[in-house]
Amino acid sequence: MIHSPARLAMIAAAGLGALVAARQSQAADAANGAALAQVWCASCHVVAQAGQGPALQGPPSFRAIARGGRSPDQLRAFLAHPHGAMPDLTLSRSEIGDLIAYIETLR
């Protein structure tokens, strides 16, 4: 079946609209990211500005991570496959997105 350019443009626009709607319904939740950070990360990292945390020589604070220049995509890749002294966290894509949203609030 051959489609006209106008028909292909309409199909593409409909697909793009569906993708945008799906992404908005899956918007990251910074508040949930903060809660996840308190549960999973606070034993090693300073998570909140005025929180308990490791010694100064320990892992970077979340604020330092936020200001460290990594893009959200770089953070996503790291959290999906942590390395070094990080424990092997099994986080869902949604949880990773929420953590990144929280980190973004600290920039």
PDB file of N, CA and C in Angstrom:
ATOM      1  N   MET A   1       0.844  -1.160   0.000  1.00  0.00           N
ATOM      2  CA  MET A   1       0.000   0.000   0.000  1.00  0.00           C
ATOM      3  C   MET A   1       0.900   1.238   0.000  1.00  0.00           C
ATOM      4  N   ILE A   2       0.625   2.178  -0.850  1.00  0.00           N
ATOM      5  CA  ILE A   2       1.386   3.415  -0.957  1.00  0.00           C
ATOM      6  C   ILE A   2       0.585   4.522  -0.305  1.00  0.00           C
ATOM      7  N   HIS A   3       1.249   5.245   0.604  1.00  0.00           N
ATOM      8  CA  HIS A   3       0.604   6.358   1.297  1.00  0.00           C
ATOM      9  C   HIS A   3       1.124   7.671   0.738  1.00  0.00           C
ATOM     10  N   SER A   4       0.256   8.658   0.681  1.00  0.00           N
ATOM     11  CA  SER A   4       0.669   9.987   0.231  1.00  0.00           C
ATOM     12  C   SER A   4       1.510  10.634   1.329  1.00  0.00           C
ATOM     13  N   PRO A   5       2.344  11.608   0.970  1.00  0.00           N
ATOM     14  CA  PRO A   5       3.139  12.303   1.986  1.00  0.00           C
ATOM     15  C   PRO A   5       2.275  12.932   3.080  1.00  0.00           C
ATOM     16  N   ALA A   6       1.124  13.455   2.717  1.00  0.00           N
ATOM     17  CA  ALA A   6       0.240  14.065   3.713  1.00  0.00           C
ATOM     18  C   ALA A   6      -0.271  13.010   4.693  1.00  0.00           C
ATOM     19  N   ARG A   7      -0.621  11.838   4.174  1.00  0.00           N
ATOM     20  CA  ARG A   7      -1.105  10.753   5.045  1.00  0.00           C
ATOM     21  C   ARG A   7       0.013  10.267   5.963  1.00  0.00           C
ATOM     22  N   LEU A   8       1.226  10.146   5.444  1.00  0.00           N
ATOM     23  CA  LEU A   8       2.353   9.731   6.278  1.00  0.00           C
ATOM     24  C   LEU A   8       2.627  10.766   7.376  1.00  0.00           C
ATOM     25  N   ALA A   9       2.492  12.042   7.039  1.00  0.00           N
ATOM     26  CA  ALA A   9       2.692  13.097   8.034  1.00  0.00           C
ATOM     27  C   ALA A   9       1.644  13.001   9.135  1.00  0.00           C
ATOM     28  N   MET A  10       0.396  12.706   8.773  1.00  0.00           N
ATOM     29  CA  MET A  10      -0.670  12.556   9.769  1.00  0.00           C
ATOM     30  C   MET A  10      -0.402  11.365  10.676  1.00  0.00           C
ATOM     31  N   ILE A  11       0.054  10.268  10.092  1.00  0.00           N
ATOM     32  CA  ILE A  11       0.360   9.070  10.881  1.00  0.00           C
ATOM     33  C   ILE A  11       1.507   9.367  11.845  1.00  0.00           C
ATOM     34  N   ALA A  12       2.538  10.045  11.345  1.00  0.00           N
ATOM     35  CA  ALA A  12       3.685  10.390  12.188  1.00  0.00           C
ATOM     36  C   ALA A  12       3.268  11.319  13.324  1.00  0.00           C
ATOM     37  N   ALA A  13       2.432  12.303  13.025  1.00  0.00           N
ATOM     38  CA  ALA A  13       1.969  13.247  14.046  1.00  0.00           C
ATOM     39  C   ALA A  13       1.146  12.530  15.110  1.00  0.00           C
ATOM     40  N   ALA A  14       0.317  11.596  14.704  1.00  0.00           N
ATOM     41  CA  ALA A  14      -0.488  10.838  15.656  1.00  0.00           C
ATOM     42  C   ALA A  14       0.413   9.997  16.562  1.00  0.00           C
ATOM     43  N   GLY A  15       1.427   9.387  15.975  1.00  0.00           N
ATOM     44  CA  GLY A  15       2.366   8.587  16.763  1.00  0.00           C
ATOM     45  C   GLY A  15       3.135   9.441  17.750  1.00  0.00           C
ATOM     46  N   LEU A  16       3.582  10.602  17.304  1.00  0.00           N
ATOM     47  CA  LEU A  16       4.306  11.510  18.182  1.00  0.00           C
ATOM     48  C   LEU A  16       3.410  11.986  19.318  1.00  0.00           C
ATOM     49  N   GLY A  17       2.177  12.294  19.018  1.00  0.00           N
ATOM     50  CA  GLY A  17       1.233  12.710  20.058  1.00  0.00           C
ATOM     51  C   GLY A  17       1.028  11.619  21.095  1.00  0.00           C
ATOM     52  N   ALA A  18       0.953  10.373  20.651  1.00  0.00           N
ATOM     53  CA  ALA A  18       0.795   9.253  21.580  1.00  0.00           C
ATOM     54  C   ALA A  18       2.025   9.099  22.470  1.00  0.00           C
ATOM     55  N   LEU A  19       3.213   9.290  21.897  1.00  0.00           N
ATOM     56  CA  LEU A  19       4.440   9.205  22.684  1.00  0.00           C
ATOM     57  C   LEU A  19       4.501  10.301  23.746  1.00  0.00           C
ATOM     58  N   VAL A  20       4.142  11.519  23.370  1.00  0.00           N
ATOM     59  CA  VAL A  20       4.158  12.635  24.310  1.00  0.00           C
ATOM     60  C   VAL A  20       3.173  12.375  25.442  1.00  0.00           C
ATOM     61  N   ALA A  21       1.988  11.906  25.115  1.00  0.00           N
ATOM     62  CA  ALA A  21       0.979  11.621  26.136  1.00  0.00           C
ATOM     63  C   ALA A  21       1.459  10.516  27.076  1.00  0.00           C
ATOM     64  N   ALA A  22       2.083   9.484  26.533  1.00  0.00           N
ATOM     65  CA  ALA A  22       2.586   8.390  27.360  1.00  0.00           C
ATOM     66  C   ALA A  22       3.684   8.888  28.282  1.00  0.00           C
ATOM     67  N   ARG A  23       4.574   9.723  27.782  1.00  0.00           N
ATOM     68  CA  ARG A  23       5.669  10.252  28.594  1.00  0.00           C
ATOM     69  C   ARG A  23       5.137  11.136  29.722  1.00  0.00           C
ATOM     70  N   GLN A  24       4.123  11.939  29.430  1.00  0.00           N
ATOM     71  CA  GLN A  24       3.559  12.794  30.467  1.00  0.00           C
ATOM     72  C   GLN A  24       2.881  11.979  31.548  1.00  0.00           C
ATOM     73  N   SER A  25       2.273  10.863  31.193  1.00  0.00           N
ATOM     74  CA  SER A  25       1.616  10.031  32.186  1.00  0.00           C
ATOM     75  C   SER A  25       2.636   9.290  33.043  1.00  0.00           C
ATOM     76  N   GLN A  26       3.886   9.223  32.583  1.00  0.00           N
ATOM     77  CA  GLN A  26       4.945   8.552  33.321  1.00  0.00           C
ATOM     78  C   GLN A  26       5.941   9.567  33.878  1.00  0.00           C
ATOM     79  N   ALA A  27       5.502  10.794  34.102  1.00  0.00           N
ATOM     80  CA  ALA A  27       6.399  11.845  34.569  1.00  0.00           C
ATOM     81  C   ALA A  27       7.052  11.421  35.877  1.00  0.00           C
ATOM     82  N   ALA A  28       8.315  11.740  35.993  1.00  0.00           N
ATOM     83  CA  ALA A  28       9.070  11.388  37.183  1.00  0.00           C
ATOM     84  C   ALA A  28       8.546  12.146  38.396  1.00  0.00           C
ATOM     85  N   ASP A  29       8.671  11.533  39.547  1.00  0.00           N
ATOM     86  CA  ASP A  29       8.154  12.065  40.803  1.00  0.00           C
ATOM     87  C   ASP A  29       9.336  12.345  41.740  1.00  0.00           C
ATOM     88  N   ALA A  30       9.736  13.616  41.844  1.00  0.00           N
ATOM     89  CA  ALA A  30      10.889  13.995  42.664  1.00  0.00           C
ATOM     90  C   ALA A  30      10.669  13.661  44.140  1.00  0.00           C
ATOM     91  N   ALA A  31       9.437  13.802  44.624  1.00  0.00           N
ATOM     92  CA  ALA A  31       9.156  13.483  46.027  1.00  0.00           C
ATOM     93  C   ALA A  31       9.378  11.997  46.293  1.00  0.00           C
ATOM     94  N   ASN A  32       8.953  11.157  45.367  1.00  0.00           N
ATOM     95  CA  ASN A  32       9.201   9.731  45.517  1.00  0.00           C
ATOM     96  C   ASN A  32      10.697   9.445  45.413  1.00  0.00           C
ATOM     97  N   GLY A  33      11.399  10.174  44.538  1.00  0.00           N
ATOM     98  CA  GLY A  33      12.846  10.022  44.422  1.00  0.00           C
ATOM     99  C   GLY A  33      13.546  10.357  45.728  1.00  0.00           C
ATOM    100  N   ALA A  34      13.091  11.406  46.415  1.00  0.00           N
ATOM    101  CA  ALA A  34      13.669  11.776  47.713  1.00  0.00           C
ATOM    102  C   ALA A  34      13.436  10.667  48.737  1.00  0.00           C
ATOM    103  N   ALA A  35      12.244  10.094  48.718  1.00  0.00           N
ATOM    104  CA  ALA A  35      11.935   9.001  49.644  1.00  0.00           C
ATOM    105  C   ALA A  35      12.795   7.779  49.343  1.00  0.00           C
ATOM    106  N   LEU A  36      12.943   7.447  48.060  1.00  0.00           N
ATOM    107  CA  LEU A  36      13.809   6.324  47.675  1.00  0.00           C
ATOM    108  C   LEU A  36      15.243   6.570  48.111  1.00  0.00           C
ATOM    109  N   ALA A  37      15.721   7.792  47.936  1.00  0.00           N
ATOM    110  CA  ALA A  37      17.092   8.128  48.321  1.00  0.00           C
ATOM    111  C   ALA A  37      17.285   7.951  49.825  1.00  0.00           C
ATOM    112  N   GLN A  38      16.291   8.332  50.609  1.00  0.00           N
ATOM    113  CA  GLN A  38      16.390   8.160  52.063  1.00  0.00           C
ATOM    114  C   GLN A  38      16.482   6.687  52.433  1.00  0.00           C
ATOM    115  N   VAL A  39      15.725   5.851  51.735  1.00  0.00           N
ATOM    116  CA  VAL A  39      15.703   4.421  52.051  1.00  0.00           C
ATOM    117  C   VAL A  39      16.960   3.714  51.548  1.00  0.00           C
ATOM    118  N   TRP A  40      17.357   3.964  50.299  1.00  0.00           N
ATOM    119  CA  TRP A  40      18.415   3.190  49.663  1.00  0.00           C
ATOM    120  C   TRP A  40      19.796   3.838  49.682  1.00  0.00           C
ATOM    121  N   CYS A  41      19.866   5.155  49.801  1.00  0.00           N
ATOM    122  CA  CYS A  41      21.142   5.837  49.577  1.00  0.00           C
ATOM    123  C   CYS A  41      21.711   6.525  50.815  1.00  0.00           C
ATOM    124  N   ALA A  42      20.859   6.864  51.781  1.00  0.00           N
ATOM    125  CA  ALA A  42      21.277   7.699  52.907  1.00  0.00           C
ATOM    126  C   ALA A  42      22.277   7.018  53.835  1.00  0.00           C
ATOM    127  N   SER A  43      22.418   5.705  53.765  1.00  0.00           N
ATOM    128  CA  SER A  43      23.404   5.054  54.632  1.00  0.00           C
ATOM    129  C   SER A  43      24.833   5.343  54.170  1.00  0.00           C
ATOM    130  N   CYS A  44      25.004   5.768  52.916  1.00  0.00           N
ATOM    131  CA  CYS A  44      26.337   6.092  52.401  1.00  0.00           C
ATOM    132  C   CYS A  44      26.472   7.544  51.942  1.00  0.00           C
ATOM    133  N   HIS A  45      25.405   8.115  51.407  1.00  0.00           N
ATOM    134  CA  HIS A  45      25.435   9.475  50.857  1.00  0.00           C
ATOM    135  C   HIS A  45      24.655  10.430  51.750  1.00  0.00           C
ATOM    136  N   VAL A  46      25.090  11.685  51.788  1.00  0.00           N
ATOM    137  CA  VAL A  46      24.248  12.724  52.371  1.00  0.00           C
ATOM    138  C   VAL A  46      23.197  13.008  51.312  1.00  0.00           C
ATOM    139  N   VAL A  47      21.944  12.751  51.637  1.00  0.00           N
ATOM    140  CA  VAL A  47      20.864  12.867  50.658  1.00  0.00           C
ATOM    141  C   VAL A  47      20.237  14.247  50.709  1.00  0.00           C
ATOM    142  N   ALA A  48      19.892  14.696  51.903  1.00  0.00           N
ATOM    143  CA  ALA A  48      19.272  16.015  52.067  1.00  0.00           C
ATOM    144  C   ALA A  48      20.344  17.005  52.502  1.00  0.00           C
ATOM    145  N   GLN A  49      20.077  18.256  52.302  1.00  0.00           N
ATOM    146  CA  GLN A  49      21.055  19.281  52.644  1.00  0.00           C
ATOM    147  C   GLN A  49      21.439  19.211  54.124  1.00  0.00           C
ATOM    148  N   ALA A  50      20.497  19.004  54.987  1.00  0.00           N
ATOM    149  CA  ALA A  50      20.780  18.970  56.424  1.00  0.00           C
ATOM    150  C   ALA A  50      20.522  17.586  56.974  1.00  0.00           C
ATOM    151  N   GLY A  51      21.109  16.580  56.346  1.00  0.00           N
ATOM    152  CA  GLY A  51      20.853  15.219  56.786  1.00  0.00           C
ATOM    153  C   GLY A  51      22.080  14.549  57.353  1.00  0.00           C
ATOM    154  N   GLN A  52      21.867  13.419  57.959  1.00  0.00           N
ATOM    155  CA  GLN A  52      22.966  12.604  58.448  1.00  0.00           C
ATOM    156  C   GLN A  52      23.651  11.990  57.240  1.00  0.00           C
ATOM    157  N   GLY A  53      24.901  11.705  57.361  1.00  0.00           N
ATOM    158  CA  GLY A  53      25.590  11.118  56.220  1.00  0.00           C
ATOM    159  C   GLY A  53      26.984  10.679  56.577  1.00  0.00           C
ATOM    160  N   PRO A  54      27.745  10.294  55.586  1.00  0.00           N
ATOM    161  CA  PRO A  54      29.077   9.754  55.796  1.00  0.00           C
ATOM    162  C   PRO A  54      30.081  10.854  56.129  1.00  0.00           C
ATOM    163  N   ALA A  55      31.276  10.437  56.469  1.00  0.00           N
ATOM    164  CA  ALA A  55      32.365  11.377  56.706  1.00  0.00           C
ATOM    165  C   ALA A  55      32.676  12.127  55.417  1.00  0.00           C
ATOM    166  N   LEU A  56      33.393  13.212  55.538  1.00  0.00           N
ATOM    167  CA  LEU A  56      33.705  14.040  54.371  1.00  0.00           C
ATOM    168  C   LEU A  56      34.436  13.265  53.275  1.00  0.00           C
ATOM    169  N   GLN A  57      35.175  12.217  53.644  1.00  0.00           N
ATOM    170  CA  GLN A  57      35.901  11.438  52.648  1.00  0.00           C
ATOM    171  C   GLN A  57      35.021  10.376  51.985  1.00  0.00           C
ATOM    172  N   GLY A  58      33.791  10.269  52.407  1.00  0.00           N
ATOM    173  CA  GLY A  58      32.900   9.234  51.889  1.00  0.00           C
ATOM    174  C   GLY A  58      32.381   9.558  50.499  1.00  0.00           C
ATOM    175  N   PRO A  59      31.385   8.816  50.061  1.00  0.00           N
ATOM    176  CA  PRO A  59      30.782   9.041  48.742  1.00  0.00           C
ATOM    177  C   PRO A  59      30.240  10.465  48.631  1.00  0.00           C
ATOM    178  N   PRO A  60      30.115  10.980  47.427  1.00  0.00           N
ATOM    179  CA  PRO A  60      29.626  12.351  47.258  1.00  0.00           C
ATOM    180  C   PRO A  60      28.180  12.504  47.728  1.00  0.00           C
ATOM    181  N   SER A  61      27.870  13.707  48.200  1.00  0.00           N
ATOM    182  CA  SER A  61      26.496  14.004  48.584  1.00  0.00           C
ATOM    183  C   SER A  61      25.633  14.085  47.328  1.00  0.00           C
ATOM    184  N   PHE A  62      24.339  14.008  47.511  1.00  0.00           N
ATOM    185  CA  PHE A  62      23.442  14.149  46.363  1.00  0.00           C
ATOM    186  C   PHE A  62      23.571  15.540  45.748  1.00  0.00           C
ATOM    187  N   ARG A  63      23.814  16.553  46.589  1.00  0.00           N
ATOM    188  CA  ARG A  63      23.996  17.905  46.055  1.00  0.00           C
ATOM    189  C   ARG A  63      25.253  17.953  45.181  1.00  0.00           C
ATOM    190  N   ALA A  64      26.333  17.291  45.622  1.00  0.00           N
ATOM    191  CA  ALA A  64      27.556  17.246  44.812  1.00  0.00           C
ATOM    192  C   ALA A  64      27.319  16.486  43.511  1.00  0.00           C
ATOM    193  N   ILE A  65      26.551  15.425  43.578  1.00  0.00           N
ATOM    194  CA  ILE A  65      26.216  14.672  42.366  1.00  0.00           C
ATOM    195  C   ILE A  65      25.418  15.565  41.419  1.00  0.00           C
ATOM    196  N   ALA A  66      24.461  16.303  41.978  1.00  0.00           N
ATOM    197  CA  ALA A  66      23.627  17.182  41.150  1.00  0.00           C
ATOM    198  C   ALA A  66      24.459  18.256  40.464  1.00  0.00           C
ATOM    199  N   ARG A  67      25.457  18.734  41.153  1.00  0.00           N
ATOM    200  CA  ARG A  67      26.295  19.806  40.608  1.00  0.00           C
ATOM    201  C   ARG A  67      27.502  19.273  39.848  1.00  0.00           C
ATOM    202  N   GLY A  68      27.610  17.964  39.741  1.00  0.00           N
ATOM    203  CA  GLY A  68      28.780  17.343  39.128  1.00  0.00           C
ATOM    204  C   GLY A  68      28.814  17.371  37.615  1.00  0.00           C
ATOM    205  N   GLY A  69      27.788  17.878  36.980  1.00  0.00           N
ATOM    206  CA  GLY A  69      27.814  18.032  35.534  1.00  0.00           C
ATOM    207  C   GLY A  69      27.321  16.841  34.733  1.00  0.00           C
ATOM    208  N   ARG A  70      26.873  15.776  35.396  1.00  0.00           N
ATOM    209  CA  ARG A  70      26.331  14.639  34.645  1.00  0.00           C
ATOM    210  C   ARG A  70      24.928  14.961  34.173  1.00  0.00           C
ATOM    211  N   SER A  71      24.649  14.576  32.951  1.00  0.00           N
ATOM    212  CA  SER A  71      23.317  14.783  32.392  1.00  0.00           C
ATOM    213  C   SER A  71      22.357  13.743  32.983  1.00  0.00           C
ATOM    214  N   PRO A  72      21.051  13.987  32.860  1.00  0.00           N
ATOM    215  CA  PRO A  72      20.090  12.981  33.304  1.00  0.00           C
ATOM    216  C   PRO A  72      20.315  11.622  32.625  1.00  0.00           C
ATOM    217  N   ASP A  73      20.690  11.624  31.344  1.00  0.00           N
ATOM    218  CA  ASP A  73      20.954  10.353  30.658  1.00  0.00           C
ATOM    219  C   ASP A  73      22.170   9.647  31.238  1.00  0.00           C
ATOM    220  N   GLN A  74      23.206  10.403  31.604  1.00  0.00           N
ATOM    221  CA  GLN A  74      24.383   9.798  32.225  1.00  0.00           C
ATOM    222  C   GLN A  74      24.044   9.228  33.602  1.00  0.00           C
ATOM    223  N   LEU A  75      23.241   9.958  34.370  1.00  0.00           N
ATOM    224  CA  LEU A  75      22.804   9.444  35.669  1.00  0.00           C
ATOM    225  C   LEU A  75      21.967   8.184  35.497  1.00  0.00           C
ATOM    226  N   ARG A  76      21.090   8.189  34.502  1.00  0.00           N
ATOM    227  CA  ARG A  76      20.241   7.025  34.231  1.00  0.00           C
ATOM    228  C   ARG A  76      21.101   5.802  33.914  1.00  0.00           C
ATOM    229  N   ALA A  77      22.113   5.977  33.080  1.00  0.00           N
ATOM    230  CA  ALA A  77      22.992   4.855  32.717  1.00  0.00           C
ATOM    231  C   ALA A  77      23.735   4.343  33.950  1.00  0.00           C
ATOM    232  N   PHE A  78      24.211   5.258  34.785  1.00  0.00           N
ATOM    233  CA  PHE A  78      24.926   4.846  35.986  1.00  0.00           C
ATOM    234  C   PHE A  78      24.017   4.084  36.939  1.00  0.00           C
ATOM    235  N   LEU A  79      22.819   4.614  37.192  1.00  0.00           N
ATOM    236  CA  LEU A  79      21.914   3.964  38.131  1.00  0.00           C
ATOM    237  C   LEU A  79      21.385   2.632  37.617  1.00  0.00           C
ATOM    238  N   ALA A  80      21.340   2.475  36.303  1.00  0.00           N
ATOM    239  CA  ALA A  80      20.892   1.201  35.732  1.00  0.00           C
ATOM    240  C   ALA A  80      21.965   0.126  35.894  1.00  0.00           C
ATOM    241  N   HIS A  81      23.234   0.551  35.939  1.00  0.00           N
ATOM    242  CA  HIS A  81      24.359  -0.395  36.052  1.00  0.00           C
ATOM    243  C   HIS A  81      25.416   0.195  36.975  1.00  0.00           C
ATOM    244  N   PRO A  82      25.118   0.290  38.294  1.00  0.00           N
ATOM    245  CA  PRO A  82      26.084   0.898  39.204  1.00  0.00           C
ATOM    246  C   PRO A  82      27.376   0.096  39.257  1.00  0.00           C
ATOM    247  N   HIS A  83      28.459   0.789  39.567  1.00  0.00           N
ATOM    248  CA  HIS A  83      29.754   0.123  39.651  1.00  0.00           C
ATOM    249  C   HIS A  83      30.577   0.749  40.765  1.00  0.00           C
ATOM    250  N   GLY A  84      31.755   0.218  40.972  1.00  0.00           N
ATOM    251  CA  GLY A  84      32.582   0.705  42.069  1.00  0.00           C
ATOM    252  C   GLY A  84      32.064   0.148  43.380  1.00  0.00           C
ATOM    253  N   ALA A  85      32.035   0.983  44.391  1.00  0.00           N
ATOM    254  CA  ALA A  85      31.605   0.552  45.719  1.00  0.00           C
ATOM    255  C   ALA A  85      30.089   0.541  45.871  1.00  0.00           C
ATOM    256  N   MET A  86      29.364   0.929  44.823  1.00  0.00           N
ATOM    257  CA  MET A  86      27.899   0.954  44.905  1.00  0.00           C
ATOM    258  C   MET A  86      27.355  -0.461  45.012  1.00  0.00           C
ATOM    259  N   PRO A  87      26.342  -0.650  45.863  1.00  0.00           N
ATOM    260  CA  PRO A  87      25.691  -1.962  45.893  1.00  0.00           C
ATOM    261  C   PRO A  87      24.939  -2.188  44.582  1.00  0.00           C
ATOM    262  N   ASP A  88      24.688  -3.424  44.278  1.00  0.00           N
ATOM    263  CA  ASP A  88      23.971  -3.758  43.045  1.00  0.00           C
ATOM    264  C   ASP A  88      22.484  -3.530  43.269  1.00  0.00           C
ATOM    265  N   LEU A  89      22.059  -2.284  43.056  1.00  0.00           N
ATOM    266  CA  LEU A  89      20.657  -1.928  43.241  1.00  0.00           C
ATOM    267  C   LEU A  89      19.836  -2.443  42.069  1.00  0.00           C
ATOM    268  N   THR A  90      18.668  -2.903  42.358  1.00  0.00           N
ATOM    269  CA  THR A  90      17.748  -3.282  41.303  1.00  0.00           C
ATOM    270  C   THR A  90      16.603  -2.279  41.342  1.00  0.00           C
ATOM    271  N   LEU A  91      16.753  -1.229  40.544  1.00  0.00           N
ATOM    272  CA  LEU A  91      15.750  -0.178  40.493  1.00  0.00           C
ATOM    273  C   LEU A  91      14.977  -0.271  39.191  1.00  0.00           C
ATOM    274  N   SER A  92      13.690  -0.012  39.261  1.00  0.00           N
ATOM    275  CA  SER A  92      12.871   0.014  38.051  1.00  0.00           C
ATOM    276  C   SER A  92      13.190   1.288  37.271  1.00  0.00           C
ATOM    277  N   ARG A  93      12.795   1.338  36.038  1.00  0.00           N
ATOM    278  CA  ARG A  93      12.991   2.549  35.232  1.00  0.00           C
ATOM    279  C   ARG A  93      12.293   3.735  35.882  1.00  0.00           C
ATOM    280  N   SER A  94      11.123   3.491  36.417  1.00  0.00           N
ATOM    281  CA  SER A  94      10.362   4.545  37.080  1.00  0.00           C
ATOM    282  C   SER A  94      11.110   5.055  38.311  1.00  0.00           C
ATOM    283  N   GLU A  95      11.652   4.150  39.116  1.00  0.00           N
ATOM    284  CA  GLU A  95      12.401   4.553  40.309  1.00  0.00           C
ATOM    285  C   GLU A  95      13.650   5.337  39.933  1.00  0.00           C
ATOM    286  N   ILE A  96      14.342   4.912  38.894  1.00  0.00           N
ATOM    287  CA  ILE A  96      15.518   5.646  38.413  1.00  0.00           C
ATOM    288  C   ILE A  96      15.105   7.048  37.980  1.00  0.00           C
ATOM    289  N   GLY A  97      14.004   7.147  37.251  1.00  0.00           N
ATOM    290  CA  GLY A  97      13.509   8.451  36.833  1.00  0.00           C
ATOM    291  C   GLY A  97      13.169   9.336  38.021  1.00  0.00           C
ATOM    292  N   ASP A  98      12.580   8.744  39.059  1.00  0.00           N
ATOM    293  CA  ASP A  98      12.228   9.507  40.258  1.00  0.00           C
ATOM    294  C   ASP A  98      13.481   9.991  40.984  1.00  0.00           C
ATOM    295  N   LEU A  99      14.495   9.136  41.104  1.00  0.00           N
ATOM    296  CA  LEU A  99      15.748   9.548  41.737  1.00  0.00           C
ATOM    297  C   LEU A  99      16.406  10.690  40.963  1.00  0.00           C
ATOM    298  N   ILE A 100      16.413  10.582  39.646  1.00  0.00           N
ATOM    299  CA  ILE A 100      17.001  11.634  38.818  1.00  0.00           C
ATOM    300  C   ILE A 100      16.211  12.932  38.969  1.00  0.00           C
ATOM    301  N   ALA A 101      14.901  12.828  39.031  1.00  0.00           N
ATOM    302  CA  ALA A 101      14.074  14.029  39.222  1.00  0.00           C
ATOM    303  C   ALA A 101      14.423  14.700  40.547  1.00  0.00           C
ATOM    304  N   TYR A 102      14.645  13.901  41.587  1.00  0.00           N
ATOM    305  CA  TYR A 102      15.046  14.468  42.878  1.00  0.00           C
ATOM    306  C   TYR A 102      16.421  15.126  42.763  1.00  0.00           C
ATOM    307  N   ILE A 103      17.368  14.443  42.159  1.00  0.00           N
ATOM    308  CA  ILE A 103      18.709  15.013  41.987  1.00  0.00           C
ATOM    309  C   ILE A 103      18.641  16.330  41.228  1.00  0.00           C
ATOM    310  N   GLU A 104      17.783  16.385  40.217  1.00  0.00           N
ATOM    311  CA  GLU A 104      17.634  17.608  39.430  1.00  0.00           C
ATOM    312  C   GLU A 104      17.141  18.780  40.286  1.00  0.00           C
ATOM    313  N   THR A 105      16.361  18.497  41.340  1.00  0.00           N
ATOM    314  CA  THR A 105      15.890  19.579  42.211  1.00  0.00           C
ATOM    315  C   THR A 105      17.029  20.184  43.023  1.00  0.00           C
ATOM    316  N   LEU A 106      18.137  19.471  43.128  1.00  0.00           N
ATOM    317  CA  LEU A 106      19.266  19.932  43.936  1.00  0.00           C
ATOM    318  C   LEU A 106      20.286  20.744  43.142  1.00  0.00           C
ATOM    319  N   ARG A 107      20.087  20.871  41.847  1.00  0.00           N
ATOM    320  CA  ARG A 107      21.058  21.608  40.990  1.00  0.00           C
ATOM    321  C   ARG A 107      21.066  23.077  41.292  1.00  0.00           C
TER     322      ARG A 107
END
